[in-house]
């Protein structure tokens, strides 16, 4: 795969860049008005299209953008707000034009004040029809389909998560409504118009609703299609002040997250507790807030469990437009290595620079071995610490896509020269334990990295004497392990002496240029792996 793929970079098409320059000031001015239903000022490169609904032949309109870039590109399905329709200006168009992605902004029966709208079966079919239209009329990377929406569009996003038949990679729902029954009373008590909208949806007299009808339309009462969503991620965002300074209390998002924990059968301790909900609601902050930000805003509370992430940020009823696509194409990579990975400017740091959008959790430790207590220390024995590494990494992010293993250098020290058969056995055991670890979501892929060469004995200190020869033999055995385990391999050892050792002051460790070379080869290896996208 071409590692310079256009997905992660702004469009190189001069025409698009010029257009974006012309529109940028307008887009920036409008982007804060994400719920301005009167704003119909779409850039001319976005085409108004019409498609018949497959449920009743009703003509549904959408704004549509076909990527001008070469090769398959991602598809973004952006869903309009509660009181809007397809023609409502979408502040995300600036990023769409910058990146050059495919895009559709469908109608799905317009604003939510009629029985045909607001979570009906027709709404679901209209959204699916819009996706099908985009797939048919653009060159879409089928592994990169993303649905996003805010407020009423956030509700439509989680509705699509529960009901869409398409294999979608990510859903991103900002300040969504999940329970229409509760929202009726939450808005009615505050004199908001949305209560009367819901009365029109259920076609009931003023000051009354059809509870069963609203429950049928509410994502909270639907079941996750687990098989279809096993490779999908859902991102839920809510502003800490929403409900106070906004129309959708944060419990609409939190309760939906807790419901998903039941559907996915995750542990009870992955839920947001009643005590945590009370603290968030009453204090509008959280005493044990993570040290994180999103779009420049403080994150007050976050839960990452398997395919679902909940984020409570400093904000009101809003989408943080500049952060709306931060989640797309990120991999969570776990790196397990020794000092060459642990150093401040080692290969892990250089790899993070090359794959800036990815999250790399680094569990490289100076002196690390595969399965020996190096220097008599259990903390330098990866087999003894692996479970802790993987559990910690998954708890922090919610999932792991890929585990990188670059070990073996310290296992070739002179003190272990008579235990080389154990090293191979330990590597087999390590791979087995990575594969069989009890993950809360899915089993990650593994990339074995054959460690860089040692220098000659004359360059090495005594404890590494003979290590170059031992490592040469060990690398051959590691290749057999990888083949038997059907692992992808990156070889930074074979025929790399003249490339790397000029940058090694001691024959074991390296200077930055060598780590950059190693990182580049690893980045290439990741790009070529099936099931992982650059």
Protein backbone atom coordinates (compact mmCIF):
# COMPACT_ATOMS: atom_id res chain seq x y z
CA UNK A 1 0.00 0.00 0.00
CA UNK A 2 1.23 3.49 -0.83
CA UNK A 3 2.25 5.13 2.44
CA UNK A 4 1.76 8.57 0.90
CA UNK A 5 -1.96 7.92 0.45
CA UNK A 6 -4.04 11.07 0.24
CA UNK A 7 -6.36 10.17 3.07
CA UNK A 8 -4.26 11.62 5.86
CA UNK A 9 -3.14 14.69 3.94
CA UNK A 10 -4.96 17.72 2.51
CA UNK A 11 -6.02 17.39 -1.12
CA UNK A 12 -3.26 17.88 -3.64
CA UNK A 13 -5.75 18.94 -6.29
CA UNK A 14 -4.96 22.58 -6.97
CA UNK A 15 -8.48 23.33 -8.11
CA UNK A 16 -9.95 22.14 -4.81
CA UNK A 17 -7.40 24.04 -2.78
CA UNK A 18 -8.18 27.23 -4.65
CA UNK A 19 -11.88 26.70 -4.10
CA UNK A 20 -11.33 26.05 -0.43
CA UNK A 21 -9.33 29.27 -0.13
CA UNK A 22 -12.22 31.20 -1.67
CA UNK A 23 -14.75 29.68 0.70
CA UNK A 24 -12.62 29.35 3.84
CA UNK A 25 -13.51 32.68 5.42
CA UNK A 26 -17.22 32.03 4.88
CA UNK A 27 -16.95 28.47 6.22
CA UNK A 28 -15.06 29.59 9.33
CA UNK A 29 -17.65 32.26 10.02
CA UNK A 30 -20.53 29.83 9.58
CA UNK A 31 -19.01 26.80 11.31
CA UNK A 32 -20.03 27.94 14.80
CA UNK A 33 -23.66 28.02 13.65
CA UNK A 34 -23.88 24.25 13.29
CA UNK A 35 -27.64 24.35 13.89
CA UNK A 36 -28.54 27.32 11.68
CA UNK A 37 -31.47 25.87 9.71
CA UNK A 38 -31.84 29.08 7.66
CA UNK A 39 -28.31 28.89 6.26
CA UNK A 40 -28.44 27.22 2.83
CA UNK A 41 -25.11 28.62 1.59
CA UNK A 42 -23.43 25.52 0.19
CA UNK A 43 -20.19 25.78 -1.84
CA UNK A 44 -20.87 25.13 -5.52
CA UNK A 45 -18.72 21.99 -5.59
CA UNK A 46 -21.44 20.26 -3.55
CA UNK A 47 -24.13 18.85 -5.83
CA UNK A 48 -27.83 18.61 -4.98
CA UNK A 49 -29.03 15.12 -5.90
CA UNK A 50 -32.32 13.22 -5.74
CA UNK A 51 -32.82 9.52 -5.11
CA UNK A 52 -36.00 7.45 -4.74
CA UNK A 53 -36.60 5.80 -1.41
CA UNK A 54 -36.62 2.02 -1.67
CA UNK A 55 -39.32 1.85 1.00
CA UNK A 56 -41.99 4.01 -0.70
CA UNK A 57 -40.44 5.63 -3.83
CA UNK A 58 -40.57 9.04 -2.15
CA UNK A 59 -37.97 11.32 -3.74
CA UNK A 60 -35.29 12.10 -1.16
CA UNK A 61 -32.75 14.86 -1.72
CA UNK A 62 -29.19 15.23 -0.48
CA UNK A 63 -26.08 17.34 -0.89
CA UNK A 64 -23.36 15.23 -2.37
CA UNK A 65 -19.63 15.54 -3.03
CA UNK A 66 -17.65 13.11 -5.17
CA UNK A 67 -13.94 12.91 -4.41
CA UNK A 68 -11.64 14.16 -7.16
CA UNK A 69 -8.69 12.23 -5.79
CA UNK A 70 -7.22 9.15 -7.43
CA UNK A 71 -8.22 5.79 -5.99
CA UNK A 72 -10.87 4.82 -3.43
CA UNK A 73 -11.48 7.43 -0.74
CA UNK A 74 -13.44 7.46 2.56
CA UNK A 75 -17.15 8.25 2.61
CA UNK A 76 -18.59 10.63 5.22
CA UNK A 77 -22.34 10.51 5.88
CA UNK A 78 -23.25 13.67 7.79
CA UNK A 79 -26.77 13.74 9.28
CA UNK A 80 -28.79 16.94 9.74
CA UNK A 81 -30.10 18.27 13.05
CA UNK A 82 -33.54 17.93 14.66
CA UNK A 83 -35.16 20.96 13.05
CA UNK A 84 -33.14 20.93 9.83
CA UNK A 85 -33.09 19.00 6.59
CA UNK A 86 -30.58 18.14 3.87
CA UNK A 87 -30.32 21.79 2.75
CA UNK A 88 -29.12 23.04 6.14
CA UNK A 89 -25.50 24.15 5.76
CA UNK A 90 -23.05 21.67 7.27
CA UNK A 91 -19.93 23.24 8.86
CA UNK A 92 -18.03 20.01 8.18
CA UNK A 93 -17.80 20.85 4.46
CA UNK A 94 -14.56 22.76 5.00
CA UNK A 95 -12.80 19.62 6.15
CA UNK A 96 -14.44 17.57 3.40
CA UNK A 97 -13.03 19.96 0.77
CA UNK A 98 -9.62 20.02 2.44
CA UNK A 99 -9.24 16.25 2.59
CA UNK A 100 -11.11 15.53 -0.63
CA UNK A 101 -13.27 12.76 0.84
CA UNK A 102 -16.58 11.51 -0.55
CA UNK A 103 -19.57 12.98 1.26
CA UNK A 104 -23.36 12.90 1.42
CA UNK A 105 -25.80 14.96 3.53
CA UNK A 106 -29.18 13.21 3.18
CA UNK A 107 -32.67 14.39 4.08
CA UNK A 108 -34.29 11.36 5.81
CA UNK A 109 -37.79 12.94 5.87
CA UNK A 110 -36.74 16.41 7.00
CA UNK A 111 -37.26 17.92 10.43
CA UNK A 112 -38.55 15.78 13.28
CA UNK A 113 -42.15 16.94 13.49
CA UNK A 114 -44.04 14.29 11.49
CA UNK A 115 -44.72 10.55 11.80
CA UNK A 116 -42.51 9.79 8.79
CA UNK A 117 -39.50 11.45 10.47
CA UNK A 118 -37.96 11.05 13.93
CA UNK A 119 -36.60 7.51 14.00
CA UNK A 120 -39.21 5.89 11.79
CA UNK A 121 -38.48 2.91 9.55
CA UNK A 122 -38.48 5.31 6.62
CA UNK A 123 -35.70 7.34 8.24
CA UNK A 124 -33.48 4.28 8.55
CA UNK A 125 -34.15 3.26 4.96
CA UNK A 126 -33.49 6.80 3.69
CA UNK A 127 -30.09 6.88 5.42
CA UNK A 128 -29.20 3.46 4.02
CA UNK A 129 -30.39 4.52 0.58
CA UNK A 130 -28.14 7.59 0.74
CA UNK A 131 -25.16 5.39 1.64
CA UNK A 132 -25.99 3.05 -1.23
CA UNK A 133 -26.25 6.02 -3.61
CA UNK A 134 -22.82 7.28 -2.57
CA UNK A 135 -21.29 3.82 -2.89
CA UNK A 136 -22.71 3.50 -6.41
CA UNK A 137 -21.72 6.97 -7.61
CA UNK A 138 -18.24 7.43 -6.12
CA UNK A 139 -15.05 5.46 -5.68
CA UNK A 140 -15.39 4.61 -2.00
CA UNK A 141 -13.01 2.65 0.18
CA UNK A 142 -15.58 0.19 1.61
CA UNK A 143 -13.57 -0.14 4.82
CA UNK A 144 -13.75 3.62 5.42
CA UNK A 145 -17.43 4.53 5.77
CA UNK A 146 -18.17 6.97 8.60
CA UNK A 147 -21.45 8.36 9.96
CA UNK A 148 -21.53 11.57 12.00
CA UNK A 149 -24.20 13.84 13.44
CA UNK A 150 -24.99 16.33 16.19
CA UNK A 151 -28.12 16.73 18.34
CA UNK A 152 -30.99 15.36 16.23
CA UNK A 153 -28.29 14.23 13.80
CA UNK A 154 -26.60 12.57 16.77
CA UNK A 155 -29.83 10.67 17.42
CA UNK A 156 -29.95 9.67 13.75
CA UNK A 157 -26.33 8.50 14.05
CA UNK A 158 -26.98 6.13 16.94
CA UNK A 159 -30.22 5.07 15.25
CA UNK A 160 -28.13 4.08 12.21
CA UNK A 161 -25.71 2.29 14.54
CA UNK A 162 -28.60 0.14 15.76
CA UNK A 163 -30.38 -0.37 12.45
CA UNK A 164 -28.26 0.29 9.35
CA UNK A 165 -27.47 -2.77 7.24
CA UNK A 166 -24.19 -1.32 5.96
CA UNK A 167 -20.77 -2.34 7.38
CA UNK A 168 -19.75 1.05 8.74
CA UNK A 169 -16.38 1.66 10.37
CA UNK A 170 -17.24 4.50 12.76
CA UNK A 171 -20.25 6.32 14.11
CA UNK A 172 -19.68 9.66 15.80
CA UNK A 173 -22.66 11.01 17.76
CA UNK A 174 -22.46 14.45 19.39
CA UNK A 175 -24.97 15.36 22.14
CA UNK A 176 -27.50 12.78 20.87
CA UNK A 177 -31.04 12.06 22.01
CA UNK A 178 -31.43 8.36 22.81
CA UNK A 179 -34.74 8.20 24.69
CA UNK A 180 -37.59 10.22 23.12
CA UNK A 181 -40.01 9.46 25.95
CA UNK A 182 -37.70 11.02 28.53
CA UNK A 183 -36.82 13.87 26.19
CA UNK A 184 -40.47 14.77 25.78
CA UNK A 185 -40.77 15.46 29.51
CA UNK A 186 -37.30 17.04 29.73
CA UNK A 187 -38.24 19.57 27.04
CA UNK A 188 -41.88 20.07 28.02
CA UNK A 189 -40.95 21.05 31.56
CA UNK A 190 -38.69 23.76 30.13
CA UNK A 191 -41.18 25.05 27.60
CA UNK A 192 -39.12 24.00 24.56
CA UNK A 193 -40.74 23.47 21.16
CA UNK A 194 -39.41 19.92 20.86
CA UNK A 195 -42.22 18.62 23.09
CA UNK A 196 -44.84 19.83 20.58
CA UNK A 197 -42.74 18.29 17.77
CA UNK A 198 -43.02 14.93 19.50
CA UNK A 199 -46.77 15.33 19.88
CA UNK A 200 -46.93 15.82 16.09
CA UNK A 201 -44.71 12.78 15.55
CA UNK A 202 -47.06 10.55 17.55
CA UNK A 203 -50.17 12.38 16.28
CA UNK A 204 -51.57 12.79 19.77
CA UNK A 205 -53.52 15.70 21.30
CA UNK A 206 -51.63 18.58 22.87
CA UNK A 207 -49.91 17.70 26.15
CA UNK A 208 -49.99 13.98 25.42
CA UNK A 209 -47.80 11.38 23.67
CA UNK A 210 -47.94 7.79 22.53
CA UNK A 211 -45.27 6.26 24.80
CA UNK A 212 -45.03 3.00 22.87
CA UNK A 213 -44.57 4.85 19.59
CA UNK A 214 -41.73 6.98 21.02
CA UNK A 215 -40.03 3.91 22.46
CA UNK A 216 -40.12 2.19 19.06
CA UNK A 217 -38.32 5.21 17.60
CA UNK A 218 -35.76 5.50 20.42
CA UNK A 219 -32.27 3.94 20.05
CA UNK A 220 -32.26 3.21 23.79
CA UNK A 221 -34.90 0.51 23.25
CA UNK A 222 -33.23 -1.13 20.25
CA UNK A 223 -30.70 -3.95 20.21
CA UNK A 224 -27.19 -3.70 18.76
CA UNK A 225 -26.69 -5.97 15.71
CA UNK A 226 -23.56 -7.45 17.29
CA UNK A 227 -22.31 -9.43 14.28
CA UNK A 228 -22.60 -6.43 11.97
CA UNK A 229 -20.94 -4.04 14.45
CA UNK A 230 -18.09 -6.26 15.67
CA UNK A 231 -15.54 -4.25 13.65
CA UNK A 232 -17.28 -0.90 14.18
CA UNK A 233 -16.49 1.85 16.68
CA UNK A 234 -19.01 4.22 18.20
CA UNK A 235 -17.91 7.57 19.63
CA UNK A 236 -20.35 9.32 21.97
CA UNK A 237 -19.75 12.96 22.92
CA UNK A 238 -21.67 15.18 25.31
CA UNK A 239 -20.96 18.66 26.65
CA UNK A 240 -20.88 18.82 30.45
CA UNK A 241 -23.23 21.84 30.53
CA UNK A 242 -25.82 20.43 28.10
CA UNK A 243 -29.26 20.29 29.69
CA UNK A 244 -28.37 23.39 31.70
CA UNK A 245 -27.18 25.40 28.68
CA UNK A 246 -28.67 23.30 25.93
CA UNK A 247 -31.65 21.11 25.15
CA UNK A 248 -30.31 17.56 25.72
CA UNK A 249 -29.25 16.48 29.24
CA UNK A 250 -26.03 14.50 29.38
CA UNK A 251 -27.94 11.51 30.77
CA UNK A 252 -29.33 10.92 27.25
CA UNK A 253 -25.80 10.02 26.16
CA UNK A 254 -24.63 8.34 29.36
CA UNK A 255 -27.70 6.08 29.66
CA UNK A 256 -27.23 4.97 26.06
CA UNK A 257 -23.58 4.15 26.75
CA UNK A 258 -24.62 2.05 29.79
CA UNK A 259 -27.26 0.26 27.68
CA UNK A 260 -24.54 -0.66 25.16
CA UNK A 261 -22.45 -2.18 27.94
CA UNK A 262 -25.35 -4.59 28.53
CA UNK A 263 -25.82 -5.35 24.83
CA UNK A 264 -22.13 -6.12 24.40
CA UNK A 265 -22.11 -8.04 27.71
CA UNK A 266 -19.20 -6.09 29.15
CA UNK A 267 -18.40 -6.11 32.86
CA UNK A 268 -20.63 -4.05 35.14
CA UNK A 269 -17.66 -1.96 36.21
CA UNK A 270 -17.40 -0.58 32.65
CA UNK A 271 -20.67 1.31 33.18
CA UNK A 272 -20.96 4.87 34.43
CA UNK A 273 -22.12 4.52 38.04
CA UNK A 274 -25.02 6.41 39.59
CA UNK A 275 -22.53 8.20 41.83
CA UNK A 276 -20.51 9.33 38.80
CA UNK A 277 -23.66 10.52 37.03
CA UNK A 278 -24.74 12.52 40.08
CA UNK A 279 -21.30 14.15 40.33
CA UNK A 280 -21.27 15.06 36.66
CA UNK A 281 -24.77 16.50 36.83
CA UNK A 282 -24.41 18.37 40.10
CA UNK A 283 -20.85 19.67 39.86
CA UNK A 284 -20.62 19.90 36.06
CA UNK A 285 -17.09 18.61 36.48
CA UNK A 286 -15.47 15.45 37.75
CA UNK A 287 -13.04 15.04 40.63
CA UNK A 288 -10.96 12.37 38.88
CA UNK A 289 -10.93 13.91 35.40
CA UNK A 290 -8.43 12.49 32.88
CA UNK A 291 -5.58 14.72 31.77
CA UNK A 292 -6.91 15.02 28.22
CA UNK A 293 -8.40 17.56 25.85
CA UNK A 294 -10.49 17.39 22.69
CA UNK A 295 -10.60 20.27 20.25
CA UNK A 296 -8.80 22.37 22.85
CA UNK A 297 -11.49 21.63 25.47
CA UNK A 298 -11.00 19.82 28.74
CA UNK A 299 -12.25 16.23 28.97
CA UNK A 300 -14.10 15.87 32.26
CA UNK A 301 -14.90 12.18 31.99
CA UNK A 302 -14.14 9.35 29.58
CA UNK A 303 -14.93 5.65 29.30
CA UNK A 304 -13.34 3.42 26.65
CA UNK A 305 -14.78 -0.05 26.43
CA UNK A 306 -14.32 -2.28 23.41
CA UNK A 307 -15.98 -0.63 20.42
CA UNK A 308 -17.55 2.24 22.39
CA UNK A 309 -16.04 5.47 23.70
CA UNK A 310 -17.90 7.99 25.87
CA UNK A 311 -16.44 11.49 26.23
CA UNK A 312 -17.85 14.26 28.43
CA UNK A 313 -16.13 17.48 27.40
CA UNK A 314 -16.16 21.10 28.54
CA UNK A 315 -18.97 22.46 26.43
CA UNK A 316 -22.68 22.93 25.91
CA UNK A 317 -25.06 21.45 23.33
CA UNK A 318 -22.59 21.43 20.46
CA UNK A 319 -20.24 19.63 18.13
CA UNK A 320 -16.55 20.57 18.25
CA UNK A 321 -16.21 20.90 14.50
CA UNK A 322 -12.42 21.06 14.47
CA UNK A 323 -12.27 17.73 16.34
CA UNK A 324 -15.10 16.02 14.46
CA UNK A 325 -12.84 13.76 12.40
CA UNK A 326 -10.07 13.18 14.95
CA UNK A 327 -11.19 9.57 15.43
CA UNK A 328 -11.05 8.55 11.79
CA UNK A 329 -8.26 6.19 10.68
CA UNK A 330 -6.60 6.02 14.06
CA UNK A 331 -5.02 2.74 15.05
CA UNK A 332 -4.22 1.85 18.64
CA UNK A 333 -0.80 0.23 18.51
CA UNK A 334 0.97 -1.44 21.43
CA UNK A 335 4.77 -1.51 21.19
CA UNK A 336 6.73 -4.07 23.22
CA UNK A 337 10.49 -3.75 23.02
CA UNK A 338 13.72 -3.05 24.86
CA UNK A 339 15.95 0.03 25.24
CA UNK A 340 15.95 0.73 21.50
CA UNK A 341 12.20 1.29 21.81
CA UNK A 342 12.28 2.85 25.27
CA UNK A 343 14.76 5.64 24.48
CA UNK A 344 13.30 9.13 24.17
CA UNK A 345 14.26 9.25 20.49
CA UNK A 346 14.08 5.48 19.85
CA UNK A 347 12.20 3.66 17.11
CA UNK A 348 8.81 3.98 18.85
CA UNK A 349 9.13 7.77 19.00
CA UNK A 350 10.17 7.89 15.34
CA UNK A 351 7.25 5.62 14.37
CA UNK A 352 4.81 7.88 16.21
CA UNK A 353 6.06 10.80 14.13
CA UNK A 354 5.44 8.84 10.94
CA UNK A 355 1.98 7.74 12.07
CA UNK A 356 0.94 10.89 13.87
CA UNK A 357 -2.79 10.09 13.83
CA UNK A 358 -2.31 6.73 15.54
CA UNK A 359 -2.11 6.16 19.27
CA UNK A 360 1.00 4.16 20.20
CA UNK A 361 1.14 2.81 23.75
CA UNK A 362 4.80 2.08 24.45
CA UNK A 363 5.69 -0.76 26.81
CA UNK A 364 9.33 -1.00 25.79
CA UNK A 365 11.65 -1.32 28.78
CA UNK A 366 15.40 -0.89 28.83
CA UNK A 367 16.90 -4.32 29.50
CA UNK A 368 13.72 -6.16 28.48
CA UNK A 369 13.94 -9.83 27.46
CA UNK A 370 11.30 -12.19 26.14
CA UNK A 371 11.24 -14.52 29.10
CA UNK A 372 14.33 -14.14 31.34
CA UNK A 373 14.66 -12.26 34.62
CA UNK A 374 17.46 -10.12 33.21
CA UNK A 375 19.80 -8.86 35.94
CA UNK A 376 17.64 -10.88 38.35
CA UNK A 377 14.69 -8.53 37.73
CA UNK A 378 11.18 -9.84 36.99
CA UNK A 379 10.20 -6.44 35.56
CA UNK A 380 12.57 -7.15 32.63
CA UNK A 381 10.76 -10.39 31.78
CA UNK A 382 8.07 -9.64 29.16
CA UNK A 383 6.23 -12.92 29.70
CA UNK A 384 5.74 -12.03 33.35
CA UNK A 385 4.48 -8.54 32.54
CA UNK A 386 2.57 -9.05 29.29
CA UNK A 387 -0.89 -9.35 30.82
CA UNK A 388 -0.39 -6.07 32.65
CA UNK A 389 0.80 -4.34 29.47
CA UNK A 390 -2.18 -5.46 27.40
CA UNK A 391 -4.76 -4.80 30.14
CA UNK A 392 -3.39 -1.32 30.79
CA UNK A 393 -3.33 -0.46 27.08
CA UNK A 394 -6.90 -1.65 26.54
CA UNK A 395 -8.19 0.12 29.64
CA UNK A 396 -6.72 3.43 28.45
CA UNK A 397 -8.06 3.35 24.89
CA UNK A 398 -10.73 0.66 24.86
CA UNK A 399 -9.26 -1.54 22.16
CA UNK A 400 -5.97 -2.64 20.60
CA UNK A 401 -5.58 -2.95 16.82
CA UNK A 402 -1.97 -4.07 16.57
CA UNK A 403 0.84 -5.35 18.81
CA UNK A 404 4.43 -4.72 17.69
CA UNK A 405 7.03 -7.08 19.16
CA UNK A 406 10.74 -6.25 18.82
CA UNK A 407 12.61 -8.37 21.34
CA UNK A 408 15.60 -10.70 21.40
CA UNK A 409 18.57 -8.36 21.67
CA UNK A 410 19.01 -8.79 25.43
CA UNK A 411 18.21 -12.50 25.20
CA UNK A 412 21.51 -12.86 23.29
CA UNK A 413 23.69 -11.53 26.12
CA UNK A 414 26.61 -13.75 27.10
CA UNK A 415 24.90 -14.75 30.34
CA UNK A 416 22.16 -16.44 28.29
CA UNK A 417 24.41 -18.08 25.67
CA UNK A 418 23.52 -21.62 26.81
CA UNK A 419 19.78 -20.89 26.90
CA UNK A 420 19.15 -19.93 23.28
CA UNK A 421 16.66 -22.76 22.73
CA UNK A 422 14.67 -21.31 25.62
CA UNK A 423 14.57 -17.95 23.82
CA UNK A 424 12.77 -19.49 20.84
CA UNK A 425 10.41 -21.33 23.18
CA UNK A 426 9.73 -18.09 25.05
CA UNK A 427 8.96 -16.27 21.80
CA UNK A 428 6.41 -18.94 20.87
CA UNK A 429 4.85 -18.60 24.31
CA UNK A 430 4.78 -14.80 24.05
CA UNK A 431 2.92 -14.92 20.73
CA UNK A 432 0.51 -17.47 22.15
CA UNK A 433 -0.24 -15.31 25.19
CA UNK A 434 -0.79 -12.20 23.05
CA UNK A 435 -3.29 -14.15 20.94
CA UNK A 436 -5.11 -15.74 23.88
CA UNK A 437 -5.19 -12.76 26.27
CA UNK A 438 -8.75 -12.04 27.40
CA UNK A 439 -9.51 -8.89 25.44
CA UNK A 440 -12.73 -7.01 26.17
CA UNK A 441 -13.32 -6.31 22.48
CA UNK A 442 -11.30 -8.08 19.78
CA UNK A 443 -7.96 -9.84 19.37
CA UNK A 444 -5.35 -7.53 17.81
CA UNK A 445 -3.03 -8.40 14.97
CA UNK A 446 0.66 -9.01 15.69
CA UNK A 447 3.66 -7.70 13.77
CA UNK A 448 6.98 -9.37 14.61
CA UNK A 449 9.98 -7.10 14.11
CA UNK A 450 13.28 -8.94 13.81
CA UNK A 451 15.73 -6.98 15.98
CA UNK A 452 18.57 -4.91 14.49
CA UNK A 453 22.07 -6.42 14.21
CA UNK A 454 24.75 -6.31 16.86
CA UNK A 455 28.16 -4.84 16.14
CA UNK A 456 31.33 -6.97 16.06
CA UNK A 457 32.81 -8.20 19.34
CA UNK A 458 35.62 -5.62 19.21
CA UNK A 459 32.94 -2.91 19.52
CA UNK A 460 30.95 -4.61 22.28
CA UNK A 461 31.50 -4.60 26.00
CA UNK A 462 32.14 -7.97 27.64
CA UNK A 463 28.55 -8.85 28.58
CA UNK A 464 27.56 -8.83 24.88
CA UNK A 465 30.52 -10.89 23.63
CA UNK A 466 29.39 -13.28 20.85
CA UNK A 467 25.96 -11.70 20.71
CA UNK A 468 26.09 -10.90 16.97
CA UNK A 469 26.46 -14.56 16.06
CA UNK A 470 23.79 -15.66 18.52
CA UNK A 471 21.34 -13.06 17.20
CA UNK A 472 21.95 -14.09 13.57
CA UNK A 473 20.93 -17.65 14.47
CA UNK A 474 18.02 -16.51 16.61
CA UNK A 475 16.58 -14.39 13.80
CA UNK A 476 16.37 -17.49 11.60
CA UNK A 477 14.38 -19.26 14.33
CA UNK A 478 12.11 -16.23 14.81
CA UNK A 479 11.28 -16.34 11.10
CA UNK A 480 10.14 -19.94 11.53
CA UNK A 481 8.00 -18.97 14.52
CA UNK A 482 6.39 -16.16 12.51
CA UNK A 483 5.72 -18.50 9.60
CA UNK A 484 4.14 -21.14 11.84
CA UNK A 485 2.03 -18.52 13.63
CA UNK A 486 1.10 -16.80 10.32
CA UNK A 487 2.50 -13.46 11.48
CA UNK A 488 3.54 -10.51 9.37
CA UNK A 489 7.25 -9.73 9.78
CA UNK A 490 9.42 -6.64 9.42
CA UNK A 491 13.10 -7.53 9.10
CA UNK A 492 15.45 -4.80 10.31
CA UNK A 493 18.21 -7.36 10.86
CA UNK A 494 19.10 -9.18 7.65
CA UNK A 495 21.68 -7.30 5.54
CA UNK A 496 21.18 -4.19 7.69
CA UNK A 497 24.69 -4.01 9.20
CA UNK A 498 25.99 -1.44 6.72
CA UNK A 499 22.79 0.58 7.00
CA UNK A 500 22.39 0.74 10.78
CA UNK A 501 25.72 0.04 12.49
CA UNK A 502 27.41 3.26 11.26
CA UNK A 503 24.90 4.95 13.61
CA UNK A 504 25.69 2.72 16.60
CA UNK A 505 28.26 4.07 19.08
CA UNK A 506 28.41 0.82 21.09
CA UNK A 507 27.23 -1.90 18.68
CA UNK A 508 23.96 -2.32 20.62
CA UNK A 509 22.16 1.01 20.67
CA UNK A 510 21.72 3.55 17.88
CA UNK A 511 21.56 7.23 17.06
CA UNK A 512 18.43 8.90 15.69
CA UNK A 513 19.07 8.28 11.95
CA UNK A 514 19.10 4.51 12.52
CA UNK A 515 15.90 4.65 14.56
CA UNK A 516 14.30 6.67 11.76
CA UNK A 517 15.27 3.96 9.24
CA UNK A 518 13.87 1.23 11.51
CA UNK A 519 10.65 3.18 12.06
CA UNK A 520 10.20 3.74 8.33
CA UNK A 521 10.48 0.02 7.61
CA UNK A 522 7.98 -0.73 10.38
CA UNK A 523 5.58 1.91 9.03
CA UNK A 524 5.82 0.27 5.60
CA UNK A 525 5.10 -3.10 7.19
CA UNK A 526 2.01 -1.78 8.97
CA UNK A 527 0.71 -0.28 5.73
CA UNK A 528 0.97 -3.64 3.98
CA UNK A 529 -0.89 -5.62 6.64
CA UNK A 530 -4.31 -6.88 5.62
CA UNK A 531 -7.13 -5.53 7.76
CA UNK A 532 -5.16 -2.43 8.75
CA UNK A 533 -5.44 0.83 6.81
CA UNK A 534 -2.93 3.61 6.53
